[in-house]
Protein backbone atom coordinates (compact mmCIF):
# COMPACT_ATOMS: atom_id res chain seq x y z
CA MET A 1 0.00 0.00 0.00
CA VAL A 2 1.08 3.60 -0.56
CA LYS A 3 0.93 6.09 2.24
CA SER A 4 -2.25 8.00 2.99
CA MET A 5 -3.23 10.89 0.75
CA SER A 6 -5.50 13.86 1.15
CA ASP A 7 -9.07 12.78 0.50
CA SER A 8 -9.51 15.75 -1.86
CA ARG A 9 -6.93 14.82 -4.50
CA LEU A 10 -8.87 11.99 -6.12
CA VAL A 11 -11.97 14.19 -6.10
CA VAL A 12 -9.99 17.09 -7.65
CA LEU A 13 -8.66 14.73 -10.30
CA ARG A 14 -12.12 13.40 -11.14
CA ASP A 15 -13.48 16.94 -11.40
CA LEU A 16 -10.67 17.96 -13.75
CA LEU A 17 -11.37 14.94 -15.93
CA SER A 18 -15.15 15.50 -15.70
CA LEU A 19 -15.70 11.88 -14.71
CA SER A 20 -18.26 10.37 -12.39
CA GLN A 21 -17.18 7.95 -9.68
CA GLN A 22 -18.44 5.07 -11.80
CA GLU A 23 -16.54 6.23 -14.91
CA PHE A 24 -13.30 6.89 -13.02
CA ALA A 25 -13.48 3.57 -11.15
CA SER A 26 -14.16 1.66 -14.36
CA ARG A 27 -11.11 3.16 -16.08
CA ILE A 28 -8.75 2.04 -13.30
CA GLY A 29 -10.35 -1.35 -12.82
CA ILE A 30 -11.99 -0.99 -9.39
CA THR A 31 -15.58 -0.73 -8.20
CA GLN A 32 -17.41 2.52 -7.49
CA GLY A 33 -17.70 1.45 -3.86
CA ALA A 34 -13.93 0.95 -3.61
CA LEU A 35 -13.32 4.40 -5.09
CA SER A 36 -15.75 5.94 -2.61
CA GLN A 37 -13.79 4.30 0.22
CA LEU A 38 -10.55 5.74 -1.18
CA GLU A 39 -11.94 9.25 -1.55
CA SER A 40 -13.17 9.22 2.04
CA GLN A 41 -9.84 7.75 3.30
CA LYS A 42 -11.55 4.68 4.68
CA SER A 43 -9.10 2.55 2.68
CA LYS A 44 -5.65 3.06 1.17
CA LEU A 45 -4.67 3.17 -2.47
CA SER A 46 -2.90 0.01 -3.63
CA LEU A 47 0.30 0.15 -5.66
CA ASP A 48 -1.49 -1.36 -8.66
CA SER A 49 -4.21 1.31 -8.58
CA LEU A 50 -1.64 4.09 -8.17
CA LEU A 51 0.25 2.90 -11.24
CA LYS A 52 -3.02 2.47 -13.15
CA ILE A 53 -4.03 6.09 -12.46
CA ASN A 54 -0.54 7.15 -13.51
CA ARG A 55 -0.77 5.27 -16.80
CA VAL A 56 -4.41 5.88 -17.70
CA PHE A 57 -4.59 9.60 -16.89
CA GLY A 58 -0.93 10.69 -17.05
CA VAL A 59 -1.03 11.79 -13.40
CA ASP A 60 2.18 12.44 -11.49
CA CYS A 61 2.42 9.82 -8.72
CA ASN A 62 4.26 12.31 -6.52
CA TRP A 63 1.31 14.73 -6.63
CA LEU A 64 -1.19 11.96 -6.03
CA VAL A 65 0.64 10.74 -2.92
CA THR A 66 2.07 13.99 -1.48
CA GLY A 67 0.13 16.81 -3.18
CA GLU A 68 3.40 18.34 -4.40
CA GLY A 69 4.30 19.21 -7.98
CA GLU A 70 2.15 19.24 -11.10
CA ILE A 71 -0.97 17.10 -11.33
CA PHE A 72 -0.29 15.94 -14.88
CA TYR A 73 2.97 15.21 -16.61
CA GLN A 74 3.75 17.91 -19.14
CA SER A 75 3.14 16.48 -22.60
CA SER A 76 5.83 16.83 -25.24
CA GLU A 77 4.82 17.88 -28.74
CA SER A 78 7.11 15.26 -30.21
CA GLU A 79 5.89 11.73 -30.88
CA PRO A 80 2.44 11.84 -29.28
CA GLN A 81 1.24 8.39 -28.33
CA SER A 82 -2.41 7.43 -28.32
CA MET A 83 -3.01 5.34 -25.20
CA ASP A 84 -5.79 2.80 -24.78
CA ASN A 85 -7.78 5.25 -22.64
CA GLY A 86 -8.31 7.77 -25.44
CA TYR A 87 -6.08 10.47 -23.90
CA GLN A 88 -3.25 11.85 -26.01
CA ILE A 89 -0.04 11.86 -23.99
CA SER A 90 3.63 11.75 -24.87
CA ARG A 91 5.38 8.38 -24.68
CA GLU A 92 8.61 10.13 -23.77
CA GLY A 93 9.65 9.22 -20.24
CA TYR A 94 7.28 6.26 -20.04
CA ILE A 95 8.81 2.84 -19.35
CA PRO A 96 7.48 -0.37 -20.95
CA LEU A 97 6.46 -3.11 -18.53
CA ILE A 98 7.11 -6.74 -19.42
CA ARG A 99 4.82 -8.83 -17.24
CA GLY A 100 5.48 -12.48 -16.54
CA GLU A 101 3.03 -13.74 -19.13
CA ALA A 102 4.70 -11.54 -21.78
CA HIS A 103 8.23 -12.89 -21.29
CA ALA A 104 8.07 -15.32 -24.22
CA GLY A 105 6.70 -12.67 -26.56
CA TYR A 106 9.36 -10.18 -25.51
CA ILE A 107 12.19 -12.63 -26.25
CA GLU A 108 10.91 -13.00 -29.80
CA ASN A 109 10.07 -9.33 -30.41
CA TYR A 110 12.38 -7.26 -28.19
CA LEU A 111 13.70 -5.33 -31.22
CA ASP A 112 10.28 -4.77 -32.78
CA GLU A 113 9.10 -1.20 -32.09
CA LYS A 114 5.53 -2.07 -33.03
CA TYR A 115 5.53 -4.84 -30.45
CA LEU A 116 7.04 -2.59 -27.79
CA ASP A 117 4.27 -0.05 -28.45
CA THR A 118 1.70 -2.66 -27.41
CA LEU A 119 3.19 -3.02 -23.90
CA GLU A 120 1.86 -1.27 -20.82
CA VAL A 121 3.90 1.83 -19.99
CA TYR A 122 4.41 3.70 -16.72
CA LYS A 123 6.16 6.84 -15.64
CA ILE A 124 8.37 6.28 -12.60
CA PRO A 125 9.65 9.34 -10.68
CA GLY A 126 13.43 9.56 -10.97
CA TYR A 127 13.56 7.47 -14.14
CA GLU A 128 12.04 9.86 -16.69
CA THR A 129 15.15 9.99 -18.90
CA GLY A 130 17.28 7.14 -20.20
CA GLY A 131 16.62 3.70 -21.57
CA TYR A 132 14.74 1.66 -18.97
CA ARG A 133 12.50 -1.38 -18.82
CA LEU A 134 10.18 -2.70 -16.11
CA PHE A 135 10.24 -6.48 -15.66
CA GLU A 136 7.89 -8.49 -13.48
CA VAL A 137 9.98 -11.15 -11.73
CA GLU A 138 8.75 -14.73 -11.58
CA GLY A 139 9.85 -17.43 -9.18
CA ASP A 140 11.60 -17.34 -5.82
CA SER A 141 15.23 -17.87 -6.88
CA MET A 142 16.26 -14.32 -5.89
CA ILE A 143 14.70 -14.22 -2.42
CA PRO A 144 15.46 -12.23 -0.26
CA SER A 145 16.63 -9.58 -2.77
CA ILE A 146 13.58 -9.90 -5.04
CA TYR A 147 10.27 -11.64 -4.29
CA PRO A 148 7.93 -13.23 -6.86
CA GLY A 149 5.67 -10.67 -8.51
CA GLU A 150 7.86 -7.69 -7.73
CA ILE A 151 8.64 -5.28 -10.57
CA VAL A 152 12.21 -4.15 -11.14
CA VAL A 153 13.34 -0.96 -12.86
CA CYS A 154 16.24 -1.81 -15.15
CA GLU A 155 18.81 0.01 -17.27
CA ARG A 156 20.15 -1.72 -20.38
CA LEU A 157 23.83 -2.60 -20.53
CA PRO A 158 25.34 -1.64 -23.91
CA ASP A 159 27.47 -4.79 -24.26
CA THR A 160 28.80 -7.84 -22.41
CA LEU A 161 31.96 -5.97 -21.45
CA SER A 162 29.78 -3.80 -19.20
CA ILE A 163 28.68 -6.77 -17.08
CA GLU A 164 29.96 -6.46 -13.51
CA ASN A 165 30.57 -9.57 -11.46
CA GLY A 166 27.92 -9.92 -8.77
CA ALA A 167 25.60 -7.32 -10.30
CA LEU A 168 21.85 -7.95 -9.99
CA CYS A 169 20.51 -8.13 -13.53
CA ILE A 170 17.65 -9.21 -15.73
CA VAL A 171 19.00 -11.50 -18.44
CA VAL A 172 16.99 -11.89 -21.64
CA ALA A 173 18.15 -15.07 -23.37
CA GLU A 174 16.85 -17.77 -25.69
CA GLU A 175 16.08 -19.89 -22.62
CA GLY A 176 13.94 -17.24 -20.95
CA ILE A 177 14.02 -14.06 -18.90
CA VAL A 178 15.57 -14.43 -15.46
CA ALA A 179 16.70 -12.26 -12.56
CA LYS A 180 20.19 -13.35 -11.44
CA ARG A 181 23.55 -12.15 -10.28
CA THR A 182 25.84 -12.19 -13.30
CA TYR A 183 29.48 -13.24 -13.50
CA VAL A 184 31.96 -13.46 -16.37
CA TYR A 185 35.35 -15.16 -16.25
CA GLU A 186 37.95 -13.01 -17.96
CA GLU A 187 39.65 -16.12 -19.41
CA ASP A 188 36.39 -17.32 -20.96
CA ARG A 189 33.96 -14.57 -21.91
CA ASN A 190 31.94 -16.96 -24.05
CA MET A 191 29.88 -18.06 -21.04
CA LEU A 192 27.66 -16.03 -18.71
CA ILE A 193 27.43 -17.38 -15.16
CA LEU A 194 24.09 -16.90 -13.39
CA LYS A 195 23.79 -17.14 -9.62
CA SER A 196 20.67 -17.06 -7.44
CA ASP A 197 20.45 -15.39 -4.03
CA ASN A 198 18.24 -18.24 -2.84
CA THR A 199 20.66 -21.00 -1.81
CA ASP A 200 18.14 -23.67 -2.83
CA TYR A 201 19.04 -22.95 -6.46
CA LYS A 202 22.28 -23.98 -8.15
CA THR A 203 24.54 -21.64 -10.09
CA TYR A 204 24.62 -22.35 -13.82
CA SER A 205 25.97 -20.85 -17.03
CA ILE A 206 24.64 -20.13 -20.49
CA PRO A 207 26.42 -19.38 -23.79
CA MET A 208 26.97 -15.69 -24.26
CA ASP A 209 25.71 -15.90 -27.84
CA SER A 210 22.28 -16.98 -26.52
CA VAL A 211 21.95 -13.72 -24.57
CA ARG A 212 19.71 -11.12 -26.19
CA GLU A 213 19.92 -8.35 -23.61
CA VAL A 214 21.24 -7.72 -20.10
CA TRP A 215 19.49 -5.14 -17.91
CA ARG A 216 21.02 -3.88 -14.66
CA VAL A 217 18.48 -3.65 -11.84
CA ARG A 218 18.35 -0.11 -10.46
CA ALA A 219 15.23 -0.21 -8.27
CA LYS A 220 12.14 -2.25 -7.56
CA ILE A 221 8.44 -1.68 -6.99
CA THR A 222 7.03 -3.89 -4.30
CA ASN A 223 3.99 -4.54 -2.18
CA VAL A 224 5.83 -7.24 -0.22
CA PHE A 225 6.50 -6.33 3.39
CA VAL A 226 8.66 -8.88 5.20
CA GLN A 227 7.44 -9.26 8.75
CA PRO A 228 9.84 -9.90 11.62
CA GLN A 229 10.06 -13.60 12.39
CA VAL A 230 7.58 -14.51 15.11
CA VAL A 231 8.67 -17.04 17.74
CA ASP A 232 6.09 -19.76 18.29
CA SER A 233 4.60 -19.46 21.79
CA SER A 234 5.21 -23.15 22.57
CA LYS A 235 8.86 -22.79 21.58
CA LEU A 236 9.10 -19.74 23.80
CA ARG A 237 7.69 -21.69 26.76
CA GLU A 238 10.16 -24.51 26.11
CA LEU A 239 13.00 -21.99 26.08
CA GLU A 240 11.84 -20.46 29.36
CA ALA A 241 11.59 -23.95 30.94
CA ASP A 242 15.12 -24.79 29.77
CA ILE A 243 16.43 -21.58 31.33
CA MET A 244 14.68 -22.34 34.65
CA THR A 245 16.11 -25.88 34.63
CA LEU A 246 19.58 -24.53 33.96
CA LYS A 247 19.27 -22.01 36.80
CA ALA A 248 18.11 -24.74 39.20
CA GLU A 249 21.01 -26.99 38.24
CA MET A 250 23.49 -24.17 38.74
CA SER A 251 22.01 -23.44 42.18
CA ARG A 252 22.25 -27.14 43.17
CA LEU A 253 25.87 -27.38 42.08
CA SER A 254 26.69 -24.20 43.95
CA ALA A 255 25.09 -25.56 47.15
CA GLU A 256 26.99 -28.88 46.90
CA LYS A 257 30.35 -27.23 46.35
CA PRO A 258 32.50 -27.70 49.53
CA SER A 259 33.48 -24.54 51.40
CA PRO A 260 37.17 -23.70 51.19
CA SER A 261 39.11 -24.83 54.30
CA THR A 262 40.08 -22.19 56.76
CA THR A 263 43.82 -21.79 57.29
CA GLU A 264 44.79 -21.58 60.98
């Protein structure tokens, strides 16, 4: 969840767009009742809904969350892009998102501009300029660094010589799209070594000529909050009993210890 916002900003946005609650809710994929709860601050805006508002209406996430800055991103006159919502906004500064189910299609069409134009795009504060991609990560091989379903913001490496050993990357290869730590042996740069952070997974290597792209992970978008490990109450009671037993044994040994003889 994102942090609480002023209850007036969603209402202000709807008024500017001349949309009813039902129309606005429908465009971002939630119910009218859910939108009403958000506008009255009885519930919090999810990350998915925040990004949907950003994409559908071109709204600055920073304004939506904090009230600071411009409401809408300033459109560029160059290369206007017609989005699926009917609004004309510039594609400049928007980052394509490759979801898990689109991985196979991206491997085949990653150089096809027409294909890339069909992908969802988002504007991420701090990443408005430069060549970036958003990848949805599948699987648990990179826990605890990246959890399944998290989205990583990535910057493309220009060539294999730019790969740093131990760097967290998204590797686009013939075999698939994976998040791994990358390594290259200087004496054999024909193989790319891929290592998981999750120790349940083995390190492996793939031929460098099967690699299509390598993207360095720069940030991630998450709704995963790792809770502190909770000690089971029964285990806690066992621990307390063990401590009491140890104390009792120490007291018994202390009582049985003979007193030192007194020197006359």
